[in-house]
Amino acid sequence: MKRKFFGAIFCLLLAALSGCAFVNVPLVQKPSPLEEQVLEGDGTKKILLLEINGTISEQEKSGGLIGKPAPSMVSYIRESLLKAEQDKNLAAIILRINSPGGTITASDIIHHDLTEFKKRKKVPVIACIMSVGASGAYYIASAADEIIAHPTAITGSIGVILVKFNVEGLMAKIGVAEQTIKSGDKKDIMSIFRKATPEEVRLGQEIIDQFYGRFLDVIMARPGNALTRDGLRQLADGRIYTADQALQAKLIDKIRYLDEAIKDLRGKVGEEDARVVTYYRSDNFKGSIYSGAAEKDGLVELLGGSMGAVSGGGYMYLWSP
């Protein structure tokens, strides 16, 4: 990569110095199409392993000056499902989840795409929570036919959060003042430059309550749901649960390791050596079902991705300790 980069720079300098015609050398390459990789097995039927890893967002990730831009998680999941739908040998999907949640819109889109995919393809979809599957990640998992979790997993955090910074005091200390000209008194609602008024807090709470109700609706519609709405509401106060607690509360269906879940799926699809496959891009090769399974640093993820939404008054399905 470095050699290609410096080669491109050299060509540009040479053209400029020699007075030659402009040479268009793209420094940032577009993401390559998804390719299939077999992780385990050599049977005919396929079990697709899809990742919900890190903060869930509809925002694309920049590759910087010379790196490749990465499609958003929403884009990756949709692209993967469209590819899987065309595969006649696809027998099941397992979602490998390791995420604290993310934006409301991204979580909802992925849940919707999974639900619609199941209607069209009619193959089992299993969600496996490994380390963390909280808030928006649990929202997504609710689209699966079954939710399982590793014994050491954390889940729950059902609810909505709106975080707003107030830098008014800091700006006053350094002698900086903000002035906003607006068409209405609520045009700058949730501005970081002043304290929210009681009415603005009330309006924000009304929106949160609507999104919270939608979260409950999604869980109540979960395949195999055994909770009443009142029972769910008692559980959905934002707290997190261990796998044992979640099983007892009927938020998950089983406690299993990923390899055990795959074994169960192979039995369900009727082929003991069904292939476990994943989709990857040429610069992101993986060697096993656990490759890249570690959760990304939550603070780094937020600062680099969703923090703009959080600090700017974004509504989130997010566990943010």
C-alpha atoms as a PDB file:
ATOM      1  CA  MET A   1       0.000   0.000   0.000  1.00  0.00           C
ATOM      2  CA  LYS A   2       2.793   2.449   0.921  1.00  0.00           C
ATOM      3  CA  ARG A   3       4.668   1.651  -2.301  1.00  0.00           C
ATOM      4  CA  LYS A   4       1.521   2.316  -4.380  1.00  0.00           C
ATOM      5  CA  PHE A   5       0.871   5.556  -2.532  1.00  0.00           C
ATOM      6  CA  PHE A   6       4.384   6.945  -3.003  1.00  0.00           C
ATOM      7  CA  GLY A   7       4.336   5.768  -6.606  1.00  0.00           C
ATOM      8  CA  ALA A   8       1.156   7.748  -7.222  1.00  0.00           C
ATOM      9  CA  ILE A   9       2.646  10.834  -5.565  1.00  0.00           C
ATOM     10  CA  PHE A  10       5.799  10.516  -7.703  1.00  0.00           C
ATOM     11  CA  CYS A  11       3.716  10.326 -10.898  1.00  0.00           C
ATOM     12  CA  LEU A  12       1.793  13.451  -9.953  1.00  0.00           C
ATOM     13  CA  LEU A  13       4.984  15.391  -9.174  1.00  0.00           C
ATOM     14  CA  LEU A  14       6.633  14.222 -12.369  1.00  0.00           C
ATOM     15  CA  ALA A  15       3.635  15.346 -14.432  1.00  0.00           C
ATOM     16  CA  ALA A  16       3.568  18.729 -12.726  1.00  0.00           C
ATOM     17  CA  LEU A  17       7.308  19.358 -13.183  1.00  0.00           C
ATOM     18  CA  SER A  18       7.465  18.210 -16.786  1.00  0.00           C
ATOM     19  CA  GLY A  19       4.373  20.076 -17.910  1.00  0.00           C
ATOM     20  CA  CYS A  20       2.697  16.868 -19.031  1.00  0.00           C
ATOM     21  CA  ALA A  21      -1.035  16.415 -19.144  1.00  0.00           C
ATOM     22  CA  PHE A  22      -2.771  15.824 -15.789  1.00  0.00           C
ATOM     23  CA  VAL A  23      -2.725  12.201 -14.661  1.00  0.00           C
ATOM     24  CA  ASN A  24      -5.768  11.096 -12.635  1.00  0.00           C
ATOM     25  CA  VAL A  25      -4.470   8.613 -10.077  1.00  0.00           C
ATOM     26  CA  PRO A  26      -7.077   7.728  -7.408  1.00  0.00           C
ATOM     27  CA  LEU A  27      -5.441   7.686  -3.965  1.00  0.00           C
ATOM     28  CA  VAL A  28      -8.525   6.361  -2.178  1.00  0.00           C
ATOM     29  CA  GLN A  29      -9.839   3.082  -3.492  1.00  0.00           C
ATOM     30  CA  LYS A  30     -13.492   2.216  -3.327  1.00  0.00           C
ATOM     31  CA  PRO A  31     -14.544  -0.758  -1.148  1.00  0.00           C
ATOM     32  CA  SER A  32     -14.386  -4.038  -3.015  1.00  0.00           C
ATOM     33  CA  PRO A  33     -17.487  -6.240  -3.401  1.00  0.00           C
ATOM     34  CA  LEU A  34     -18.207  -8.820  -0.727  1.00  0.00           C
ATOM     35  CA  GLU A  35     -16.653 -12.229  -1.273  1.00  0.00           C
ATOM     36  CA  GLU A  36     -17.460 -15.514   0.421  1.00  0.00           C
ATOM     37  CA  GLN A  37     -15.032 -17.371   2.647  1.00  0.00           C
ATOM     38  CA  VAL A  38     -15.546 -20.806   4.154  1.00  0.00           C
ATOM     39  CA  LEU A  39     -14.649 -20.899   7.841  1.00  0.00           C
ATOM     40  CA  GLU A  40     -15.605 -24.469   8.697  1.00  0.00           C
ATOM     41  CA  GLY A  41     -17.127 -27.549   7.083  1.00  0.00           C
ATOM     42  CA  ASP A  42     -17.288 -28.877   3.546  1.00  0.00           C
ATOM     43  CA  GLY A  43     -20.952 -29.742   3.127  1.00  0.00           C
ATOM     44  CA  THR A  44     -23.355 -28.400   0.532  1.00  0.00           C
ATOM     45  CA  LYS A  45     -25.580 -26.283   2.756  1.00  0.00           C
ATOM     46  CA  LYS A  46     -24.297 -22.993   4.151  1.00  0.00           C
ATOM     47  CA  ILE A  47     -24.675 -21.188   7.455  1.00  0.00           C
ATOM     48  CA  LEU A  48     -23.822 -17.509   7.025  1.00  0.00           C
ATOM     49  CA  LEU A  49     -22.069 -15.767   9.920  1.00  0.00           C
ATOM     50  CA  LEU A  50     -22.914 -12.059  10.027  1.00  0.00           C
ATOM     51  CA  GLU A  51     -21.352  -9.583  12.444  1.00  0.00           C
ATOM     52  CA  ILE A  52     -22.974  -6.886  14.527  1.00  0.00           C
ATOM     53  CA  ASN A  53     -19.759  -5.551  16.030  1.00  0.00           C
ATOM     54  CA  GLY A  54     -19.061  -2.180  17.631  1.00  0.00           C
ATOM     55  CA  THR A  55     -21.296   0.869  17.723  1.00  0.00           C
ATOM     56  CA  ILE A  56     -24.269   0.548  15.383  1.00  0.00           C
ATOM     57  CA  SER A  57     -24.467   3.443  12.960  1.00  0.00           C
ATOM     58  CA  GLU A  58     -25.689   4.367   9.505  1.00  0.00           C
ATOM     59  CA  GLN A  59     -22.617   6.549   9.035  1.00  0.00           C
ATOM     60  CA  GLU A  60     -19.859   5.357   6.709  1.00  0.00           C
ATOM     61  CA  LYS A  61     -16.379   5.101   8.186  1.00  0.00           C
ATOM     62  CA  SER A  62     -13.680   7.132   6.511  1.00  0.00           C
ATOM     63  CA  GLY A  63     -10.510   5.419   5.428  1.00  0.00           C
ATOM     64  CA  GLY A  64      -8.465   8.595   5.804  1.00  0.00           C
ATOM     65  CA  LEU A  65      -6.156   9.887   3.091  1.00  0.00           C
ATOM     66  CA  ILE A  66      -4.934   6.565   1.707  1.00  0.00           C
ATOM     67  CA  GLY A  67      -7.138   3.967   3.373  1.00  0.00           C
ATOM     68  CA  LYS A  68     -10.300   2.447   1.973  1.00  0.00           C
ATOM     69  CA  PRO A  69     -13.585   3.880   3.267  1.00  0.00           C
ATOM     70  CA  ALA A  70     -15.693   1.291   5.092  1.00  0.00           C
ATOM     71  CA  PRO A  71     -19.429   1.046   4.437  1.00  0.00           C
ATOM     72  CA  SER A  72     -21.682   1.613   7.419  1.00  0.00           C
ATOM     73  CA  MET A  73     -23.020  -1.334   9.384  1.00  0.00           C
ATOM     74  CA  VAL A  74     -26.456  -0.693   7.872  1.00  0.00           C
ATOM     75  CA  SER A  75     -24.960  -0.886   4.388  1.00  0.00           C
ATOM     76  CA  TYR A  76     -22.890  -4.000   5.200  1.00  0.00           C
ATOM     77  CA  ILE A  77     -25.861  -5.924   6.595  1.00  0.00           C
ATOM     78  CA  ARG A  78     -28.131  -5.004   3.711  1.00  0.00           C
ATOM     79  CA  GLU A  79     -25.479  -5.885   1.119  1.00  0.00           C
ATOM     80  CA  SER A  80     -24.866  -9.194   2.882  1.00  0.00           C
ATOM     81  CA  LEU A  81     -28.563 -10.090   3.030  1.00  0.00           C
ATOM     82  CA  LEU A  82     -29.052  -9.291  -0.654  1.00  0.00           C
ATOM     83  CA  LYS A  83     -26.097 -11.528  -1.520  1.00  0.00           C
ATOM     84  CA  ALA A  84     -27.337 -14.304   0.772  1.00  0.00           C
ATOM     85  CA  GLU A  85     -30.823 -14.178  -0.709  1.00  0.00           C
ATOM     86  CA  GLN A  86     -29.436 -15.188  -4.106  1.00  0.00           C
ATOM     87  CA  ASP A  87     -27.589 -18.210  -2.693  1.00  0.00           C
ATOM     88  CA  LYS A  88     -29.660 -21.354  -3.203  1.00  0.00           C
ATOM     89  CA  ASN A  89     -27.449 -23.272  -0.751  1.00  0.00           C
ATOM     90  CA  LEU A  90     -27.968 -20.849   2.127  1.00  0.00           C
ATOM     91  CA  ALA A  91     -29.690 -22.747   4.933  1.00  0.00           C
ATOM     92  CA  ALA A  92     -29.387 -20.428   7.959  1.00  0.00           C
ATOM     93  CA  ILE A  93     -27.915 -17.199   9.306  1.00  0.00           C
ATOM     94  CA  ILE A  94     -26.271 -16.622  12.641  1.00  0.00           C
ATOM     95  CA  LEU A  95     -25.750 -13.065  13.886  1.00  0.00           C
ATOM     96  CA  ARG A  96     -22.577 -12.801  15.962  1.00  0.00           C
ATOM     97  CA  ILE A  97     -23.283  -9.832  18.214  1.00  0.00           C
ATOM     98  CA  ASN A  98     -20.764  -7.827  20.197  1.00  0.00           C
ATOM     99  CA  SER A  99     -22.147  -4.307  20.472  1.00  0.00           C
ATOM    100  CA  PRO A 100     -23.404  -1.828  23.081  1.00  0.00           C
ATOM    101  CA  GLY A 101     -26.003  -0.528  20.614  1.00  0.00           C
ATOM    102  CA  GLY A 102     -26.005   2.711  18.675  1.00  0.00           C
ATOM    103  CA  THR A 103     -28.323   5.039  16.832  1.00  0.00           C
ATOM    104  CA  ILE A 104     -32.055   4.422  16.820  1.00  0.00           C
ATOM    105  CA  THR A 105     -32.338   4.662  13.044  1.00  0.00           C
ATOM    106  CA  ALA A 106     -29.494   2.243  12.279  1.00  0.00           C
ATOM    107  CA  SER A 107     -30.781  -0.327  14.778  1.00  0.00           C
ATOM    108  CA  ASP A 108     -34.295  -0.065  13.375  1.00  0.00           C
ATOM    109  CA  ILE A 109     -33.202  -0.366   9.736  1.00  0.00           C
ATOM    110  CA  ILE A 110     -31.166  -3.505  10.399  1.00  0.00           C
ATOM    111  CA  HIS A 111     -34.035  -5.038  12.381  1.00  0.00           C
ATOM    112  CA  HIS A 112     -36.382  -4.230   9.492  1.00  0.00           C
ATOM    113  CA  ASP A 113     -34.046  -5.686   6.849  1.00  0.00           C
ATOM    114  CA  LEU A 114     -33.634  -8.905   8.827  1.00  0.00           C
ATOM    115  CA  THR A 115     -37.386  -9.235   9.294  1.00  0.00           C
ATOM    116  CA  GLU A 116     -38.066  -8.724   5.589  1.00  0.00           C
ATOM    117  CA  PHE A 117     -35.259 -11.109   4.634  1.00  0.00           C
ATOM    118  CA  LYS A 118     -36.824 -13.843   6.774  1.00  0.00           C
ATOM    119  CA  LYS A 119     -40.155 -13.381   5.011  1.00  0.00           C
ATOM    120  CA  ARG A 120     -38.560 -13.807   1.596  1.00  0.00           C
ATOM    121  CA  LYS A 121     -35.887 -16.436   2.208  1.00  0.00           C
ATOM    122  CA  LYS A 122     -37.547 -18.407   5.009  1.00  0.00           C
ATOM    123  CA  VAL A 123     -34.375 -19.727   6.630  1.00  0.00           C
ATOM    124  CA  PRO A 124     -33.693 -19.763  10.391  1.00  0.00           C
ATOM    125  CA  VAL A 125     -31.911 -16.707  11.797  1.00  0.00           C
ATOM    126  CA  ILE A 126     -30.198 -17.069  15.168  1.00  0.00           C
ATOM    127  CA  ALA A 127     -28.641 -14.264  17.230  1.00  0.00           C
ATOM    128  CA  CYS A 128     -25.605 -15.117  19.360  1.00  0.00           C
ATOM    129  CA  ILE A 129     -24.551 -12.497  21.927  1.00  0.00           C
ATOM    130  CA  MET A 130     -20.898 -13.003  22.793  1.00  0.00           C
ATOM    131  CA  SER A 131     -19.565 -10.280  25.098  1.00  0.00           C
ATOM    132  CA  VAL A 132     -22.104  -7.445  24.880  1.00  0.00           C
ATOM    133  CA  GLY A 133     -25.449  -7.307  23.118  1.00  0.00           C
ATOM    134  CA  ALA A 134     -27.143  -4.335  24.720  1.00  0.00           C
ATOM    135  CA  SER A 135     -29.761  -1.748  23.782  1.00  0.00           C
ATOM    136  CA  GLY A 136     -29.790  -1.338  19.977  1.00  0.00           C
ATOM    137  CA  ALA A 137     -27.912  -4.623  19.591  1.00  0.00           C
ATOM    138  CA  TYR A 138     -30.652  -6.402  21.544  1.00  0.00           C
ATOM    139  CA  TYR A 139     -33.198  -4.536  19.403  1.00  0.00           C
ATOM    140  CA  ILE A 140     -31.591  -6.111  16.329  1.00  0.00           C
ATOM    141  CA  ALA A 141     -31.363  -9.531  17.990  1.00  0.00           C
ATOM    142  CA  SER A 142     -35.134  -9.431  18.521  1.00  0.00           C
ATOM    143  CA  ALA A 143     -35.581  -9.981  14.778  1.00  0.00           C
ATOM    144  CA  ALA A 144     -33.976 -13.428  15.091  1.00  0.00           C
ATOM    145  CA  ASP A 145     -35.952 -16.630  15.573  1.00  0.00           C
ATOM    146  CA  GLU A 146     -33.899 -17.353  18.673  1.00  0.00           C
ATOM    147  CA  ILE A 147     -31.538 -15.367  20.896  1.00  0.00           C
ATOM    148  CA  ILE A 148     -28.700 -17.214  22.574  1.00  0.00           C
ATOM    149  CA  ALA A 149     -25.880 -15.780  24.664  1.00  0.00           C
ATOM    150  CA  HIS A 150     -22.459 -16.844  25.846  1.00  0.00           C
ATOM    151  CA  PRO A 151     -22.347 -17.597  29.600  1.00  0.00           C
ATOM    152  CA  THR A 152     -20.376 -14.384  30.219  1.00  0.00           C
ATOM    153  CA  ALA A 153     -22.458 -12.115  27.984  1.00  0.00           C
ATOM    154  CA  ILE A 154     -24.094  -8.845  29.000  1.00  0.00           C
ATOM    155  CA  THR A 155     -27.416  -7.841  27.483  1.00  0.00           C
ATOM    156  CA  GLY A 156     -30.464  -5.720  28.226  1.00  0.00           C
ATOM    157  CA  SER A 157     -30.141  -1.932  28.635  1.00  0.00           C
ATOM    158  CA  ILE A 158     -33.555  -1.665  26.997  1.00  0.00           C
ATOM    159  CA  GLY A 159     -34.383   1.982  26.567  1.00  0.00           C
ATOM    160  CA  VAL A 160     -33.482   5.300  24.975  1.00  0.00           C
ATOM    161  CA  ILE A 161     -30.862   7.830  25.962  1.00  0.00           C
ATOM    162  CA  LEU A 162     -30.331  11.439  24.954  1.00  0.00           C
ATOM    163  CA  VAL A 163     -27.043  13.005  26.014  1.00  0.00           C
ATOM    164  CA  LYS A 164     -26.400  16.738  25.721  1.00  0.00           C
ATOM    165  CA  PHE A 165     -23.335  18.653  26.824  1.00  0.00           C
ATOM    166  CA  ASN A 166     -23.611  22.166  28.201  1.00  0.00           C
ATOM    167  CA  VAL A 167     -20.477  24.241  27.560  1.00  0.00           C
ATOM    168  CA  GLU A 168     -21.984  27.605  28.483  1.00  0.00           C
ATOM    169  CA  GLY A 169     -19.958  27.907  31.708  1.00  0.00           C
ATOM    170  CA  LEU A 170     -16.723  26.850  30.029  1.00  0.00           C
ATOM    171  CA  MET A 171     -17.158  29.387  27.235  1.00  0.00           C
ATOM    172  CA  ALA A 172     -17.801  32.151  29.755  1.00  0.00           C
ATOM    173  CA  LYS A 173     -14.550  31.311  31.538  1.00  0.00           C
ATOM    174  CA  ILE A 174     -12.486  31.638  28.385  1.00  0.00           C
ATOM    175  CA  GLY A 175     -14.291  34.758  27.238  1.00  0.00           C
ATOM    176  CA  VAL A 176     -16.189  33.269  24.292  1.00  0.00           C
ATOM    177  CA  ALA A 177     -19.853  34.057  23.726  1.00  0.00           C
ATOM    178  CA  GLU A 178     -22.280  32.327  21.351  1.00  0.00           C
ATOM    179  CA  GLN A 179     -25.014  34.196  19.530  1.00  0.00           C
ATOM    180  CA  THR A 180     -27.802  32.437  17.657  1.00  0.00           C
ATOM    181  CA  ILE A 181     -30.368  34.086  15.404  1.00  0.00           C
ATOM    182  CA  LYS A 182     -33.395  31.829  15.009  1.00  0.00           C
ATOM    183  CA  SER A 183     -36.874  31.772  13.492  1.00  0.00           C
ATOM    184  CA  GLY A 184     -38.474  30.310  16.605  1.00  0.00           C
ATOM    185  CA  ASP A 185     -37.626  29.970  20.279  1.00  0.00           C
ATOM    186  CA  LYS A 186     -37.132  26.193  19.947  1.00  0.00           C
ATOM    187  CA  LYS A 187     -35.094  26.197  16.740  1.00  0.00           C
ATOM    188  CA  ASP A 188     -31.907  25.551  18.745  1.00  0.00           C
ATOM    189  CA  ILE A 189     -33.503  23.032  21.086  1.00  0.00           C
ATOM    190  CA  MET A 190     -30.874  20.936  22.898  1.00  0.00           C
ATOM    191  CA  SER A 191     -28.125  23.402  21.995  1.00  0.00           C
ATOM    192  CA  ILE A 192     -24.847  22.669  23.779  1.00  0.00           C
ATOM    193  CA  PHE A 193     -24.330  26.393  24.330  1.00  0.00           C
ATOM    194  CA  ARG A 194     -27.019  26.807  26.959  1.00  0.00           C
ATOM    195  CA  LYS A 195     -29.034  24.911  29.530  1.00  0.00           C
ATOM    196  CA  ALA A 196     -32.213  23.286  28.226  1.00  0.00           C
ATOM    197  CA  THR A 197     -35.437  24.897  29.420  1.00  0.00           C
ATOM    198  CA  PRO A 198     -38.007  22.798  31.342  1.00  0.00           C
ATOM    199  CA  GLU A 199     -40.279  22.843  28.291  1.00  0.00           C
ATOM    200  CA  GLU A 200     -37.456  21.579  26.057  1.00  0.00           C
ATOM    201  CA  VAL A 201     -36.769  18.774  28.512  1.00  0.00           C
ATOM    202  CA  ARG A 202     -40.466  17.854  28.407  1.00  0.00           C
ATOM    203  CA  LEU A 203     -40.488  17.826  24.599  1.00  0.00           C
ATOM    204  CA  GLY A 204     -37.356  15.675  24.548  1.00  0.00           C
ATOM    205  CA  GLN A 205     -38.924  13.265  27.020  1.00  0.00           C
ATOM    206  CA  GLU A 206     -42.009  12.898  24.815  1.00  0.00           C
ATOM    207  CA  ILE A 207     -39.823  11.834  21.899  1.00  0.00           C
ATOM    208  CA  ILE A 208     -37.895   9.424  24.119  1.00  0.00           C
ATOM    209  CA  ASP A 209     -41.162   7.889  25.336  1.00  0.00           C
ATOM    210  CA  GLN A 210     -42.274   7.259  21.737  1.00  0.00           C
ATOM    211  CA  PHE A 211     -38.995   5.585  20.790  1.00  0.00           C
ATOM    212  CA  TYR A 212     -39.088   3.604  24.040  1.00  0.00           C
ATOM    213  CA  GLY A 213     -42.578   2.364  23.180  1.00  0.00           C
ATOM    214  CA  ARG A 214     -41.315   1.255  19.770  1.00  0.00           C
ATOM    215  CA  PHE A 215     -38.515  -0.697  21.460  1.00  0.00           C
ATOM    216  CA  LEU A 216     -41.082  -2.508  23.611  1.00  0.00           C
ATOM    217  CA  ASP A 217     -43.219  -3.238  20.533  1.00  0.00           C
ATOM    218  CA  VAL A 218     -40.227  -4.856  18.802  1.00  0.00           C
ATOM    219  CA  ILE A 219     -39.508  -7.111  21.774  1.00  0.00           C
ATOM    220  CA  MET A 220     -43.154  -8.064  22.190  1.00  0.00           C
ATOM    221  CA  ALA A 221     -43.201  -9.131  18.519  1.00  0.00           C
ATOM    222  CA  ARG A 222     -40.095 -11.270  19.006  1.00  0.00           C
ATOM    223  CA  PRO A 223     -40.570 -14.894  17.885  1.00  0.00           C
ATOM    224  CA  GLY A 224     -41.230 -17.004  20.961  1.00  0.00           C
ATOM    225  CA  ASN A 225     -41.778 -14.012  23.239  1.00  0.00           C
ATOM    226  CA  ALA A 226     -43.223 -15.167  26.575  1.00  0.00           C
ATOM    227  CA  LEU A 227     -43.431 -11.776  28.302  1.00  0.00           C
ATOM    228  CA  THR A 228     -46.440  -9.591  28.955  1.00  0.00           C
ATOM    229  CA  ARG A 229     -46.035  -5.906  28.187  1.00  0.00           C
ATOM    230  CA  ASP A 230     -46.275  -5.013  31.877  1.00  0.00           C
ATOM    231  CA  GLY A 231     -43.685  -7.653  32.706  1.00  0.00           C
ATOM    232  CA  LEU A 232     -41.394  -6.368  29.978  1.00  0.00           C
ATOM    233  CA  ARG A 233     -41.775  -2.784  31.148  1.00  0.00           C
ATOM    234  CA  GLN A 234     -40.512  -3.796  34.597  1.00  0.00           C
ATOM    235  CA  LEU A 235     -37.414  -5.321  33.005  1.00  0.00           C
ATOM    236  CA  ALA A 236     -36.877  -2.459  30.565  1.00  0.00           C
ATOM    237  CA  ASP A 237     -35.694   0.251  32.940  1.00  0.00           C
ATOM    238  CA  GLY A 238     -32.269   0.496  31.283  1.00  0.00           C
ATOM    239  CA  ARG A 239     -30.475  -2.015  33.484  1.00  0.00           C
ATOM    240  CA  ILE A 240     -28.114  -4.617  32.062  1.00  0.00           C
ATOM    241  CA  TYR A 241     -28.366  -8.363  32.636  1.00  0.00           C
ATOM    242  CA  THR A 242     -25.968 -11.265  32.730  1.00  0.00           C
ATOM    243  CA  ALA A 243     -26.791 -14.219  30.515  1.00  0.00           C
ATOM    244  CA  ASP A 244     -28.217 -16.146  33.493  1.00  0.00           C
ATOM    245  CA  GLN A 245     -30.375 -13.194  34.531  1.00  0.00           C
ATOM    246  CA  ALA A 246     -31.555 -12.618  30.954  1.00  0.00           C
ATOM    247  CA  LEU A 247     -32.517 -16.278  30.590  1.00  0.00           C
ATOM    248  CA  GLN A 248     -34.465 -16.199  33.827  1.00  0.00           C
ATOM    249  CA  ALA A 249     -36.159 -12.970  32.712  1.00  0.00           C
ATOM    250  CA  LYS A 250     -37.039 -14.580  29.337  1.00  0.00           C
ATOM    251  CA  LEU A 251     -35.109 -11.968  27.358  1.00  0.00           C
ATOM    252  CA  ILE A 252     -33.000 -14.704  25.734  1.00  0.00           C
ATOM    253  CA  ASP A 253     -33.823 -18.296  24.843  1.00  0.00           C
ATOM    254  CA  LYS A 254     -30.640 -20.238  25.617  1.00  0.00           C
ATOM    255  CA  ILE A 255     -27.128 -19.946  26.999  1.00  0.00           C
ATOM    256  CA  ARG A 256     -24.787 -21.489  24.446  1.00  0.00           C
ATOM    257  CA  TYR A 257     -21.351 -20.898  22.960  1.00  0.00           C
ATOM    258  CA  LEU A 258     -21.071 -19.917  19.319  1.00  0.00           C
ATOM    259  CA  ASP A 259     -19.691 -23.302  18.279  1.00  0.00           C
ATOM    260  CA  GLU A 260     -22.574 -25.034  20.094  1.00  0.00           C
ATOM    261  CA  ALA A 261     -25.070 -22.771  18.334  1.00  0.00           C
ATOM    262  CA  ILE A 262     -23.530 -23.696  14.998  1.00  0.00           C
ATOM    263  CA  LYS A 263     -23.771 -27.383  15.876  1.00  0.00           C
ATOM    264  CA  ASP A 264     -27.443 -26.908  16.749  1.00  0.00           C
ATOM    265  CA  LEU A 265     -28.046 -25.118  13.448  1.00  0.00           C
ATOM    266  CA  ARG A 266     -26.361 -27.892  11.497  1.00  0.00           C
ATOM    267  CA  GLY A 267     -28.769 -30.332  13.085  1.00  0.00           C
ATOM    268  CA  LYS A 268     -31.693 -28.054  12.274  1.00  0.00           C
ATOM    269  CA  VAL A 269     -30.747 -27.755   8.592  1.00  0.00           C
ATOM    270  CA  GLY A 270     -30.087 -31.486   8.366  1.00  0.00           C
ATOM    271  CA  GLU A 271     -26.395 -31.519   7.442  1.00  0.00           C
ATOM    272  CA  GLU A 272     -23.747 -32.275  10.076  1.00  0.00           C
ATOM    273  CA  ASP A 273     -20.919 -30.766   8.059  1.00  0.00           C
ATOM    274  CA  ALA A 274     -22.742 -27.757   6.641  1.00  0.00           C
ATOM    275  CA  ARG A 275     -20.303 -25.037   5.691  1.00  0.00           C
ATOM    276  CA  VAL A 276     -19.979 -21.996   7.936  1.00  0.00           C
ATOM    277  CA  VAL A 277     -19.275 -19.053   5.664  1.00  0.00           C
ATOM    278  CA  THR A 278     -18.761 -15.324   6.040  1.00  0.00           C
ATOM    279  CA  TYR A 279     -18.581 -12.415   3.659  1.00  0.00           C
ATOM    280  CA  TYR A 280     -15.446 -10.323   3.560  1.00  0.00           C
ATOM    281  CA  ARG A 281     -13.658  -7.765   1.445  1.00  0.00           C
ATOM    282  CA  SER A 282     -10.225  -8.568   0.033  1.00  0.00           C
ATOM    283  CA  ASP A 283      -8.435  -6.396   2.615  1.00  0.00           C
ATOM    284  CA  ASN A 284     -10.254  -7.958   5.585  1.00  0.00           C
ATOM    285  CA  PHE A 285      -9.515 -11.685   5.449  1.00  0.00           C
ATOM    286  CA  LYS A 286     -10.558 -13.843   8.406  1.00  0.00           C
ATOM    287  CA  GLY A 287      -9.276 -17.175   9.560  1.00  0.00           C
ATOM    288  CA  SER A 288     -11.973 -18.608  11.859  1.00  0.00           C
ATOM    289  CA  ILE A 289     -15.416 -18.014  13.316  1.00  0.00           C
ATOM    290  CA  TYR A 290     -13.837 -16.020  16.163  1.00  0.00           C
ATOM    291  CA  SER A 291     -11.681 -13.714  14.036  1.00  0.00           C
ATOM    292  CA  GLY A 292     -12.369 -10.080  14.889  1.00  0.00           C
ATOM    293  CA  ALA A 293     -14.763 -11.059  17.652  1.00  0.00           C
ATOM    294  CA  ALA A 294     -13.316  -8.663  20.257  1.00  0.00           C
ATOM    295  CA  GLU A 295     -15.488  -5.657  20.905  1.00  0.00           C
ATOM    296  CA  LYS A 296     -13.998  -2.409  19.703  1.00  0.00           C
ATOM    297  CA  ASP A 297     -13.112   0.127  22.362  1.00  0.00           C
ATOM    298  CA  GLY A 298     -16.425   1.750  23.283  1.00  0.00           C
ATOM    299  CA  LEU A 299     -14.948   5.208  23.923  1.00  0.00           C
ATOM    300  CA  VAL A 300     -12.957   5.186  20.720  1.00  0.00           C
ATOM    301  CA  GLU A 301     -15.998   4.005  18.790  1.00  0.00           C
ATOM    302  CA  LEU A 302     -18.128   6.776  20.202  1.00  0.00           C
ATOM    303  CA  LEU A 303     -15.543   9.492  19.676  1.00  0.00           C
ATOM    304  CA  GLY A 304     -14.858   8.306  16.152  1.00  0.00           C
ATOM    305  CA  GLY A 305     -18.394   7.472  15.098  1.00  0.00           C
ATOM    306  CA  SER A 306     -21.525   8.136  17.080  1.00  0.00           C
ATOM    307  CA  MET A 307     -20.225  10.790  19.453  1.00  0.00           C
ATOM    308  CA  GLY A 308     -21.421  13.482  17.110  1.00  0.00           C
ATOM    309  CA  ALA A 309     -24.955  12.212  17.457  1.00  0.00           C
ATOM    310  CA  VAL A 310     -24.638  11.908  21.224  1.00  0.00           C
ATOM    311  CA  SER A 311     -23.153  15.348  21.828  1.00  0.00           C
ATOM    312  CA  GLY A 312     -25.489  16.960  19.366  1.00  0.00           C
ATOM    313  CA  GLY A 313     -28.620  15.667  21.033  1.00  0.00           C
ATOM    314  CA  GLY A 314     -29.056  12.382  19.147  1.00  0.00           C
ATOM    315  CA  TYR A 315     -31.506   9.793  20.449  1.00  0.00           C
ATOM    316  CA  MET A 316     -29.734   6.494  20.949  1.00  0.00           C
ATOM    317  CA  TYR A 317     -30.467   2.852  21.693  1.00  0.00           C
ATOM    318  CA  LEU A 318     -27.110   2.658  23.428  1.00  0.00           C
ATOM    319  CA  TRP A 319     -25.595   1.295  26.622  1.00  0.00           C
ATOM    320  CA  SER A 320     -23.000   3.921  27.568  1.00  0.00           C
ATOM    321  CA  PRO A 321     -21.558   3.239  31.049  1.00  0.00           C
END
